[in-house]
C-alpha cells in the first residue's frame, strides 16, 4: 500500500475496521469485568457490592454476546489457533502498512482519480 487515497487500497477495509472495533470493544468489556471484580472485593457496603455484582453480570453477558458475534463473523477463533493466527497476522500486517504510509505526500493532486461533477 503506497497511496492511502487510492480507492484500491480501501478494499476490505470496512471488514477489517469492524473486526478491530469489535476486538477493542471486547477487550474494554473484559477490562471492565476485571474492574468490577476488584471493586466488589474493595467495597464494604453490601448494597453497593450487589450493584457492582449485577453490573458485572451484565458485562459478562455483553462479553459473551460480542464474542459470539465475532466468532460467527470469523473475526475470532478462541479455540483454534491455526484459524486465529492468519486473522491476527492480517491485522498486524495492515497496521504496519498503515503506519508506513506517507500521510503528507508532496503531490496531493487527485484530479481524475475520482468521479467529479461536471463544471
C-alpha atoms as a PDB file:
ATOM      1  CA  UNK A   1       0.000   0.000   0.000  1.00  0.00           C
ATOM      2  CA  UNK A   2       1.707   3.142  -1.195  1.00  0.00           C
ATOM      3  CA  UNK A   3      -1.119   5.639  -1.544  1.00  0.00           C
ATOM      4  CA  UNK A   4      -3.777   5.799   1.135  1.00  0.00           C
ATOM      5  CA  UNK A   5      -6.030   7.941  -1.071  1.00  0.00           C
ATOM      6  CA  UNK A   6      -6.120   5.367  -3.873  1.00  0.00           C
ATOM      7  CA  UNK A   7      -9.555   3.713  -3.738  1.00  0.00           C
ATOM      8  CA  UNK A   8      -7.983   0.305  -4.472  1.00  0.00           C
ATOM      9  CA  UNK A   9      -6.410   0.363  -1.022  1.00  0.00           C
ATOM     10  CA  UNK A  10      -9.813   0.639   0.659  1.00  0.00           C
ATOM     11  CA  UNK A  11     -10.819  -2.859  -0.464  1.00  0.00           C
ATOM     12  CA  UNK A  12     -11.578  -4.977   2.577  1.00  0.00           C
ATOM     13  CA  UNK A  13     -11.123  -2.075   4.992  1.00  0.00           C
ATOM     14  CA  UNK A  14     -14.729  -1.984   6.287  1.00  0.00           C
ATOM     15  CA  UNK A  15     -14.452  -5.606   7.436  1.00  0.00           C
ATOM     16  CA  UNK A  16     -11.024  -5.012   8.965  1.00  0.00           C
ATOM     17  CA  UNK A  17     -12.289  -1.902  10.727  1.00  0.00           C
ATOM     18  CA  UNK A  18     -15.391  -3.706  12.017  1.00  0.00           C
ATOM     19  CA  UNK A  19     -13.313  -6.562  13.408  1.00  0.00           C
ATOM     20  CA  UNK A  20     -10.858  -4.125  15.013  1.00  0.00           C
ATOM     21  CA  UNK A  21     -13.676  -2.145  16.642  1.00  0.00           C
ATOM     22  CA  UNK A  22     -15.291  -5.354  17.881  1.00  0.00           C
ATOM     23  CA  UNK A  23     -11.991  -6.594  19.354  1.00  0.00           C
ATOM     24  CA  UNK A  24     -11.402  -3.258  21.067  1.00  0.00           C
ATOM     25  CA  UNK A  25     -14.934  -3.377  22.475  1.00  0.00           C
ATOM     26  CA  UNK A  26     -14.418  -6.973  23.665  1.00  0.00           C
ATOM     27  CA  UNK A  27     -11.173  -6.070  25.428  1.00  0.00           C
ATOM     28  CA  UNK A  28     -12.745  -2.994  27.007  1.00  0.00           C
ATOM     29  CA  UNK A  29     -15.603  -5.100  28.363  1.00  0.00           C
ATOM     30  CA  UNK A  30     -13.093  -7.636  29.714  1.00  0.00           C
ATOM     31  CA  UNK A  31     -11.228  -4.843  31.476  1.00  0.00           C
ATOM     32  CA  UNK A  32     -14.499  -3.598  32.954  1.00  0.00           C
ATOM     33  CA  UNK A  33     -15.307  -7.080  34.266  1.00  0.00           C
ATOM     34  CA  UNK A  34     -11.919  -7.204  35.956  1.00  0.00           C
ATOM     35  CA  UNK A  35     -12.504  -3.770  37.470  1.00  0.00           C
ATOM     36  CA  UNK A  36     -15.941  -4.782  38.781  1.00  0.00           C
ATOM     37  CA  UNK A  37     -14.377  -7.832  40.425  1.00  0.00           C
ATOM     38  CA  UNK A  38     -11.781  -5.616  42.064  1.00  0.00           C
ATOM     39  CA  UNK A  39     -14.421  -3.092  43.176  1.00  0.00           C
ATOM     40  CA  UNK A  40     -16.553  -5.843  44.722  1.00  0.00           C
ATOM     41  CA  UNK A  41     -13.642  -7.009  46.881  1.00  0.00           C
ATOM     42  CA  UNK A  42     -12.816  -3.443  47.964  1.00  0.00           C
ATOM     43  CA  UNK A  43     -16.355  -2.362  48.837  1.00  0.00           C
ATOM     44  CA  UNK A  44     -17.645  -2.689  52.397  1.00  0.00           C
ATOM     45  CA  UNK A  45     -21.220  -1.606  51.647  1.00  0.00           C
ATOM     46  CA  UNK A  46     -23.386  -4.697  50.906  1.00  0.00           C
ATOM     47  CA  UNK A  47     -25.833  -2.768  48.708  1.00  0.00           C
ATOM     48  CA  UNK A  48     -23.014  -1.317  46.605  1.00  0.00           C
ATOM     49  CA  UNK A  49     -21.487  -4.788  46.381  1.00  0.00           C
ATOM     50  CA  UNK A  50     -24.792  -6.150  44.996  1.00  0.00           C
ATOM     51  CA  UNK A  51     -24.941  -3.302  42.456  1.00  0.00           C
ATOM     52  CA  UNK A  52     -21.390  -3.994  41.280  1.00  0.00           C
ATOM     53  CA  UNK A  53     -22.149  -7.698  41.063  1.00  0.00           C
ATOM     54  CA  UNK A  54     -25.256  -7.044  38.950  1.00  0.00           C
ATOM     55  CA  UNK A  55     -23.295  -4.724  36.638  1.00  0.00           C
ATOM     56  CA  UNK A  56     -20.511  -7.297  36.356  1.00  0.00           C
ATOM     57  CA  UNK A  57     -23.021  -9.979  35.353  1.00  0.00           C
ATOM     58  CA  UNK A  58     -24.409  -7.641  32.665  1.00  0.00           C
ATOM     59  CA  UNK A  59     -20.865  -7.018  31.413  1.00  0.00           C
ATOM     60  CA  UNK A  60     -20.209 -10.771  31.279  1.00  0.00           C
ATOM     61  CA  UNK A  61     -23.390 -11.230  29.241  1.00  0.00           C
ATOM     62  CA  UNK A  62     -22.299  -8.435  26.882  1.00  0.00           C
ATOM     63  CA  UNK A  63     -18.842 -10.018  26.551  1.00  0.00           C
ATOM     64  CA  UNK A  64     -20.488 -13.316  25.577  1.00  0.00           C
ATOM     65  CA  UNK A  65     -22.709 -11.573  23.044  1.00  0.00           C
ATOM     66  CA  UNK A  66     -19.806  -9.718  21.377  1.00  0.00           C
ATOM     67  CA  UNK A  67     -17.557 -12.809  21.416  1.00  0.00           C
ATOM     68  CA  UNK A  68     -20.317 -14.904  19.827  1.00  0.00           C
ATOM     69  CA  UNK A  69     -20.814 -12.264  17.119  1.00  0.00           C
ATOM     70  CA  UNK A  70     -17.081 -12.177  16.405  1.00  0.00           C
ATOM     71  CA  UNK A  71     -16.924 -15.972  16.198  1.00  0.00           C
ATOM     72  CA  UNK A  72     -19.918 -16.008  13.850  1.00  0.00           C
ATOM     73  CA  UNK A  73     -18.281 -13.368  11.609  1.00  0.00           C
ATOM     74  CA  UNK A  74     -14.962 -15.258  11.577  1.00  0.00           C
ATOM     75  CA  UNK A  75     -13.093 -12.490  13.406  1.00  0.00           C
ATOM     76  CA  UNK A  76     -12.326 -14.577  16.480  1.00  0.00           C
ATOM     77  CA  UNK A  77     -11.332 -18.224  16.828  1.00  0.00           C
ATOM     78  CA  UNK A  78     -10.718 -18.636  20.573  1.00  0.00           C
ATOM     79  CA  UNK A  79     -10.353 -22.415  20.452  1.00  0.00           C
ATOM     80  CA  UNK A  80      -8.437 -22.833  17.200  1.00  0.00           C
ATOM     81  CA  UNK A  81      -5.007 -21.241  16.997  1.00  0.00           C
ATOM     82  CA  UNK A  82      -4.495 -22.355  13.397  1.00  0.00           C
ATOM     83  CA  UNK A  83      -7.554 -20.353  12.328  1.00  0.00           C
ATOM     84  CA  UNK A  84      -6.851 -17.350  14.591  1.00  0.00           C
ATOM     85  CA  UNK A  85      -3.223 -16.917  13.533  1.00  0.00           C
ATOM     86  CA  UNK A  86      -3.973 -15.761   9.930  1.00  0.00           C
ATOM     87  CA  UNK A  87      -6.595 -13.316  11.230  1.00  0.00           C
ATOM     88  CA  UNK A  88      -4.100 -11.792  13.655  1.00  0.00           C
ATOM     89  CA  UNK A  89      -1.331 -11.717  11.025  1.00  0.00           C
ATOM     90  CA  UNK A  90      -3.584  -9.891   8.533  1.00  0.00           C
ATOM     91  CA  UNK A  91      -4.473  -7.315  11.197  1.00  0.00           C
ATOM     92  CA  UNK A  92      -0.809  -6.852  12.135  1.00  0.00           C
ATOM     93  CA  UNK A  93       0.312  -6.537   8.504  1.00  0.00           C
ATOM     94  CA  UNK A  94      -2.394  -3.965   7.802  1.00  0.00           C
ATOM     95  CA  UNK A  95      -1.416  -1.966  10.893  1.00  0.00           C
ATOM     96  CA  UNK A  96       2.235  -1.949   9.778  1.00  0.00           C
ATOM     97  CA  UNK A  97       1.245  -0.888   6.243  1.00  0.00           C
ATOM     98  CA  UNK A  98      -0.887   1.951   7.587  1.00  0.00           C
ATOM     99  CA  UNK A  99       1.930   3.053   9.921  1.00  0.00           C
ATOM    100  CA  UNK A 100       4.336   3.208   6.974  1.00  0.00           C
ATOM    101  CA  UNK A 101       2.071   5.394   4.823  1.00  0.00           C
ATOM    102  CA  UNK A 102       3.210   8.870   3.934  1.00  0.00           C
ATOM    103  CA  UNK A 103       0.229  10.771   5.259  1.00  0.00           C
ATOM    104  CA  UNK A 104       1.540  14.087   3.975  1.00  0.00           C
ATOM    105  CA  UNK A 105       2.599  13.464   0.363  1.00  0.00           C
ATOM    106  CA  UNK A 106       4.093  16.299  -1.647  1.00  0.00           C
ATOM    107  CA  UNK A 107       1.687  15.728  -4.523  1.00  0.00           C
ATOM    108  CA  UNK A 108      -1.887  15.807  -3.289  1.00  0.00           C
ATOM    109  CA  UNK A 109      -3.490  16.410  -6.686  1.00  0.00           C
ATOM    110  CA  UNK A 110      -6.151  13.739  -7.111  1.00  0.00           C
ATOM    111  CA  UNK A 111      -7.851  15.233 -10.132  1.00  0.00           C
ATOM    112  CA  UNK A 112      -9.050  12.500 -12.438  1.00  0.00           C
ATOM    113  CA  UNK A 113      -8.857   9.702  -9.840  1.00  0.00           C
ATOM    114  CA  UNK A 114     -12.415  10.083  -8.628  1.00  0.00           C
ATOM    115  CA  UNK A 115     -15.648  10.878 -10.362  1.00  0.00           C
ATOM    116  CA  UNK A 116     -16.107  14.634 -10.301  1.00  0.00           C
ATOM    117  CA  UNK A 117     -19.250  16.581 -11.163  1.00  0.00           C
ATOM    118  CA  UNK A 118     -19.378  18.469 -14.428  1.00  0.00           C
ATOM    119  CA  UNK A 119     -18.203  22.025 -14.033  1.00  0.00           C
END
